[in-house]
């Protein structure tokens, strides 16, 4: 019974790790988007940078 229990624990750890990694990878783009939006907001308040310029810049980066 102990051996079976141990085997089950090991298996659950093996399946949990990839799930956590996939979850983290899915969260990374969201974090980046939030960070970029936050930076744009701060820059707009400080410098008076227009969102239009930022959009044009993003389009230039994407077209490369």
C-alpha atoms as a PDB file:
ATOM      1  CA  UNK A   1       0.000   0.000   0.000  1.00  0.00           C
ATOM      2  CA  UNK A   2       2.846   2.394   0.834  1.00  0.00           C
ATOM      3  CA  UNK A   3       4.607   1.700  -2.486  1.00  0.00           C
ATOM      4  CA  UNK A   4       1.380   2.352  -4.438  1.00  0.00           C
ATOM      5  CA  UNK A   5       0.823   5.590  -2.525  1.00  0.00           C
ATOM      6  CA  UNK A   6       4.368   6.740  -3.197  1.00  0.00           C
ATOM      7  CA  UNK A   7       4.034   5.937  -6.892  1.00  0.00           C
ATOM      8  CA  UNK A   8       0.814   7.958  -7.045  1.00  0.00           C
ATOM      9  CA  UNK A   9       2.513  10.985  -5.409  1.00  0.00           C
ATOM     10  CA  UNK A  10       5.386  10.847  -7.894  1.00  0.00           C
ATOM     11  CA  UNK A  11       2.972  10.685 -10.830  1.00  0.00           C
ATOM     12  CA  UNK A  12       0.950  13.659  -9.561  1.00  0.00           C
ATOM     13  CA  UNK A  13       4.159  15.716  -9.212  1.00  0.00           C
ATOM     14  CA  UNK A  14       5.158  14.819 -12.793  1.00  0.00           C
ATOM     15  CA  UNK A  15       1.772  15.966 -14.143  1.00  0.00           C
ATOM     16  CA  UNK A  16       1.664  19.116 -11.974  1.00  0.00           C
ATOM     17  CA  UNK A  17       5.030  20.517 -13.150  1.00  0.00           C
ATOM     18  CA  UNK A  18       4.164  20.765 -16.889  1.00  0.00           C
ATOM     19  CA  UNK A  19       0.744  22.194 -15.995  1.00  0.00           C
ATOM     20  CA  UNK A  20       2.400  24.923 -13.883  1.00  0.00           C
ATOM     21  CA  UNK A  21       4.909  25.632 -16.682  1.00  0.00           C
ATOM     22  CA  UNK A  22       2.129  25.892 -19.289  1.00  0.00           C
ATOM     23  CA  UNK A  23       0.171  28.182 -16.941  1.00  0.00           C
ATOM     24  CA  UNK A  24       3.250  30.387 -16.432  1.00  0.00           C
ATOM     25  CA  UNK A  25       3.927  30.529 -20.189  1.00  0.00           C
ATOM     26  CA  UNK A  26       0.298  31.543 -20.816  1.00  0.00           C
ATOM     27  CA  UNK A  27       0.581  34.304 -18.183  1.00  0.00           C
ATOM     28  CA  UNK A  28       3.822  35.779 -19.623  1.00  0.00           C
ATOM     29  CA  UNK A  29       2.179  37.503 -22.651  1.00  0.00           C
ATOM     30  CA  UNK A  30      -0.567  38.882 -20.399  1.00  0.00           C
ATOM     31  CA  UNK A  31       2.061  40.292 -18.030  1.00  0.00           C
ATOM     32  CA  UNK A  32       3.951  41.857 -20.936  1.00  0.00           C
ATOM     33  CA  UNK A  33       0.762  43.481 -22.295  1.00  0.00           C
ATOM     34  CA  UNK A  34      -0.146  44.873 -18.867  1.00  0.00           C
ATOM     35  CA  UNK A  35       3.434  46.169 -18.421  1.00  0.00           C
ATOM     36  CA  UNK A  36       3.443  47.842 -21.860  1.00  0.00           C
ATOM     37  CA  UNK A  37       0.045  49.452 -21.226  1.00  0.00           C
ATOM     38  CA  UNK A  38       1.279  50.684 -17.834  1.00  0.00           C
ATOM     39  CA  UNK A  39       4.479  52.131 -19.345  1.00  0.00           C
ATOM     40  CA  UNK A  40       2.492  53.836 -22.134  1.00  0.00           C
ATOM     41  CA  UNK A  41       0.190  55.357 -19.494  1.00  0.00           C
ATOM     42  CA  UNK A  42       3.125  56.696 -17.456  1.00  0.00           C
ATOM     43  CA  UNK A  43       4.908  58.041 -20.557  1.00  0.00           C
ATOM     44  CA  UNK A  44       1.693  59.730 -21.752  1.00  0.00           C
ATOM     45  CA  UNK A  45       1.285  61.506 -18.399  1.00  0.00           C
ATOM     46  CA  UNK A  46       4.945  62.569 -18.174  1.00  0.00           C
ATOM     47  CA  UNK A  47       5.799  63.464 -21.771  1.00  0.00           C
ATOM     48  CA  UNK A  48       2.383  63.932 -23.379  1.00  0.00           C
ATOM     49  CA  UNK A  49       3.196  61.094 -25.785  1.00  0.00           C
ATOM     50  CA  UNK A  50       0.181  60.382 -28.001  1.00  0.00           C
ATOM     51  CA  UNK A  51      -1.225  56.849 -28.269  1.00  0.00           C
ATOM     52  CA  UNK A  52      -1.331  57.301 -32.032  1.00  0.00           C
ATOM     53  CA  UNK A  53       2.476  57.509 -32.195  1.00  0.00           C
ATOM     54  CA  UNK A  54       2.762  54.371 -30.055  1.00  0.00           C
ATOM     55  CA  UNK A  55       0.378  52.520 -32.396  1.00  0.00           C
ATOM     56  CA  UNK A  56       2.402  53.592 -35.443  1.00  0.00           C
ATOM     57  CA  UNK A  57       5.592  52.452 -33.698  1.00  0.00           C
ATOM     58  CA  UNK A  58       4.046  49.043 -32.874  1.00  0.00           C
ATOM     59  CA  UNK A  59       2.935  48.673 -36.516  1.00  0.00           C
ATOM     60  CA  UNK A  60       6.481  49.476 -37.688  1.00  0.00           C
ATOM     61  CA  UNK A  61       7.913  46.859 -35.293  1.00  0.00           C
ATOM     62  CA  UNK A  62       5.377  44.235 -36.428  1.00  0.00           C
ATOM     63  CA  UNK A  63       6.034  44.879 -40.161  1.00  0.00           C
ATOM     64  CA  UNK A  64       9.784  44.144 -39.728  1.00  0.00           C
END
